[in-house]
Amino acid sequence: MHKDNTTLERVKEWGRNNMLEHLGIEITEVGPDYLAGKMPVDHRTHQPMGLLHGGASVALAESLASMGAALQVDLTTKACVGLEINANHIRGVREGWVYGKATAMHIGRTTQVWETKITNEAGDLVCISRMTVAVIDKVK
């Protein structure tokens, strides 16, 4: 975790009044090189056939990876922005919750790479994603 000891409650604040709140994404755990959360599988996250929408899975993965990346930098001078994301959708989910855990694979000065695994309530892999994050200077 960044040296300012960002707490779980502070990270939860980042998810208010934006897409995370709209999709029902909740941050559940913060570690030194990971971030975990959960997302409901319901009308907000379904595709027309009643399954978890792949885009909702990617939104969960990108949210966790982006916030995890932000915890690694000094946010007074730096910002973390998505450069590339991919996802493989492994298994369909119709209801309940999915759980994501984003883990840092590389934390560099100008780039970071994060892997997010999303599982269903039984612990089965639903989606795996990799995101490259650019670390940029904040505009003054």
Protein backbone atom coordinates (compact mmCIF):
# COMPACT_ATOMS: atom_id res chain seq x y z
CA MET A 1 0.00 0.00 0.00
CA HIS A 2 1.17 3.56 -0.63
CA LYS A 3 3.10 5.13 2.21
CA ASP A 4 0.15 7.31 3.28
CA ASN A 5 -1.53 4.14 4.69
CA THR A 6 -4.67 4.46 2.60
CA THR A 7 -7.41 2.53 4.34
CA LEU A 8 -10.17 0.34 3.02
CA GLU A 9 -12.68 3.06 3.88
CA ARG A 10 -10.82 5.65 1.78
CA VAL A 11 -10.70 3.29 -1.20
CA LYS A 12 -14.41 2.61 -0.79
CA GLU A 13 -14.97 6.38 -1.09
CA TRP A 14 -13.37 6.26 -4.57
CA GLY A 15 -16.28 4.05 -5.67
CA ARG A 16 -19.04 6.51 -4.81
CA ASN A 17 -21.00 8.49 -7.43
CA ASN A 18 -19.51 6.66 -10.42
CA MET A 19 -19.77 3.41 -12.38
CA LEU A 20 -18.81 1.26 -9.39
CA GLU A 21 -21.80 2.46 -7.43
CA HIS A 22 -24.12 2.06 -10.44
CA LEU A 23 -23.03 -1.57 -10.94
CA GLY A 24 -23.08 -2.37 -7.21
CA ILE A 25 -19.33 -3.01 -7.02
CA GLU A 26 -18.02 -3.12 -3.45
CA ILE A 27 -14.37 -3.01 -2.42
CA THR A 28 -13.78 -5.69 0.21
CA GLU A 29 -10.05 -5.88 0.85
CA VAL A 30 -6.87 -3.87 0.33
CA GLY A 31 -3.37 -5.32 0.50
CA PRO A 32 0.13 -4.11 -0.29
CA ASP A 33 -0.05 -5.35 -3.91
CA TYR A 34 -3.68 -6.36 -4.40
CA LEU A 35 -7.25 -5.11 -4.20
CA ALA A 36 -10.38 -7.26 -3.92
CA GLY A 37 -14.04 -6.57 -4.48
CA LYS A 38 -17.37 -8.09 -5.38
CA MET A 39 -20.15 -7.34 -7.84
CA PRO A 40 -23.77 -8.53 -7.95
CA VAL A 41 -25.02 -10.52 -10.91
CA ASP A 42 -28.46 -8.98 -11.45
CA HIS A 43 -30.37 -6.68 -13.83
CA ARG A 44 -27.56 -4.08 -13.62
CA THR A 45 -24.87 -6.49 -14.80
CA HIS A 46 -26.80 -8.91 -17.05
CA GLN A 47 -26.60 -9.06 -20.83
CA PRO A 48 -29.91 -9.61 -22.74
CA MET A 49 -29.76 -13.42 -22.37
CA GLY A 50 -29.66 -13.20 -18.57
CA LEU A 51 -25.96 -13.93 -18.08
CA LEU A 52 -23.27 -11.76 -16.54
CA HIS A 53 -22.28 -9.22 -19.20
CA GLY A 54 -18.63 -9.49 -20.25
CA GLY A 55 -18.38 -5.72 -20.14
CA ALA A 56 -19.45 -5.75 -16.49
CA SER A 57 -16.67 -8.23 -15.74
CA VAL A 58 -14.19 -5.94 -17.49
CA ALA A 59 -15.54 -2.94 -15.56
CA LEU A 60 -14.91 -4.84 -12.31
CA ALA A 61 -11.42 -5.88 -13.43
CA GLU A 62 -10.44 -2.40 -14.59
CA SER A 63 -11.81 -0.77 -11.46
CA LEU A 64 -9.87 -3.06 -9.14
CA ALA A 65 -6.65 -2.83 -11.17
CA SER A 66 -6.85 0.97 -11.54
CA MET A 67 -7.45 1.57 -7.86
CA GLY A 68 -4.75 -0.93 -6.92
CA ALA A 69 -2.34 0.90 -9.21
CA ALA A 70 -3.29 4.26 -7.69
CA LEU A 71 -2.34 2.94 -4.25
CA GLN A 72 1.22 2.42 -5.49
CA VAL A 73 1.94 6.05 -6.40
CA ASP A 74 1.97 9.50 -4.84
CA LEU A 75 -1.43 10.78 -5.99
CA THR A 76 -0.45 14.39 -5.34
CA THR A 77 1.89 14.29 -8.35
CA LYS A 78 0.96 11.15 -10.33
CA ALA A 79 -2.13 9.61 -11.90
CA CYS A 80 -2.75 6.06 -13.12
CA VAL A 81 -4.61 5.57 -16.39
CA GLY A 82 -5.53 2.44 -18.28
CA LEU A 83 -3.35 1.78 -21.31
CA GLU A 84 -4.61 -1.69 -22.32
CA ILE A 85 -6.94 -4.32 -20.92
CA ASN A 86 -7.90 -7.80 -22.08
CA ALA A 87 -10.22 -10.41 -20.66
CA ASN A 88 -11.03 -14.05 -21.23
CA HIS A 89 -14.55 -15.01 -20.20
CA ILE A 90 -14.40 -18.59 -18.94
CA ARG A 91 -17.77 -19.38 -17.37
CA GLY A 92 -21.24 -17.85 -17.37
CA VAL A 93 -23.03 -16.67 -14.23
CA ARG A 94 -26.78 -15.99 -13.97
CA GLU A 95 -27.22 -14.77 -10.39
CA GLY A 96 -25.53 -14.15 -7.08
CA TRP A 97 -22.16 -12.46 -6.74
CA VAL A 98 -18.80 -12.55 -8.49
CA TYR A 99 -15.57 -11.82 -6.64
CA GLY A 100 -12.53 -10.13 -8.14
CA LYS A 101 -8.96 -9.93 -6.93
CA ALA A 102 -6.49 -7.72 -8.79
CA THR A 103 -2.84 -8.51 -8.13
CA ALA A 104 0.19 -6.52 -9.26
CA MET A 105 2.44 -8.40 -11.67
CA HIS A 106 4.77 -5.43 -12.26
CA ILE A 107 5.02 -2.09 -10.49
CA GLY A 108 7.36 0.19 -12.39
CA ARG A 109 8.05 3.90 -12.45
CA THR A 110 6.02 4.55 -15.63
CA THR A 111 3.93 1.39 -16.08
CA GLN A 112 2.22 -1.23 -13.99
CA VAL A 113 0.69 -4.58 -15.00
CA TRP A 114 -2.20 -6.05 -13.01
CA GLU A 115 -3.93 -9.42 -13.29
CA THR A 116 -7.52 -9.78 -12.10
CA LYS A 117 -9.20 -13.11 -11.47
CA ILE A 118 -12.99 -13.10 -11.14
CA THR A 119 -14.70 -16.10 -9.55
CA ASN A 120 -18.26 -17.14 -8.80
CA GLU A 121 -19.65 -17.97 -5.35
CA ALA A 122 -18.32 -21.55 -5.66
CA GLY A 123 -14.80 -20.25 -6.36
CA ASP A 124 -14.85 -21.25 -10.04
CA LEU A 125 -12.97 -18.98 -12.46
CA VAL A 126 -15.39 -16.79 -14.41
CA CYS A 127 -12.99 -14.33 -16.06
CA ILE A 128 -9.30 -13.54 -16.10
CA SER A 129 -8.04 -10.13 -17.16
CA ARG A 130 -4.70 -8.36 -17.55
CA MET A 131 -4.39 -4.59 -17.54
CA THR A 132 -1.45 -2.34 -18.31
CA VAL A 133 -1.55 0.98 -16.49
CA ALA A 134 0.42 4.09 -17.45
CA VAL A 135 1.73 6.21 -14.56
CA ILE A 136 1.63 9.83 -15.69
CA ASP A 137 2.39 13.22 -14.20
CA LYS A 138 -0.68 15.12 -13.03
CA VAL A 139 -1.45 18.24 -14.97
CA LYS A 140 -0.81 21.28 -12.79
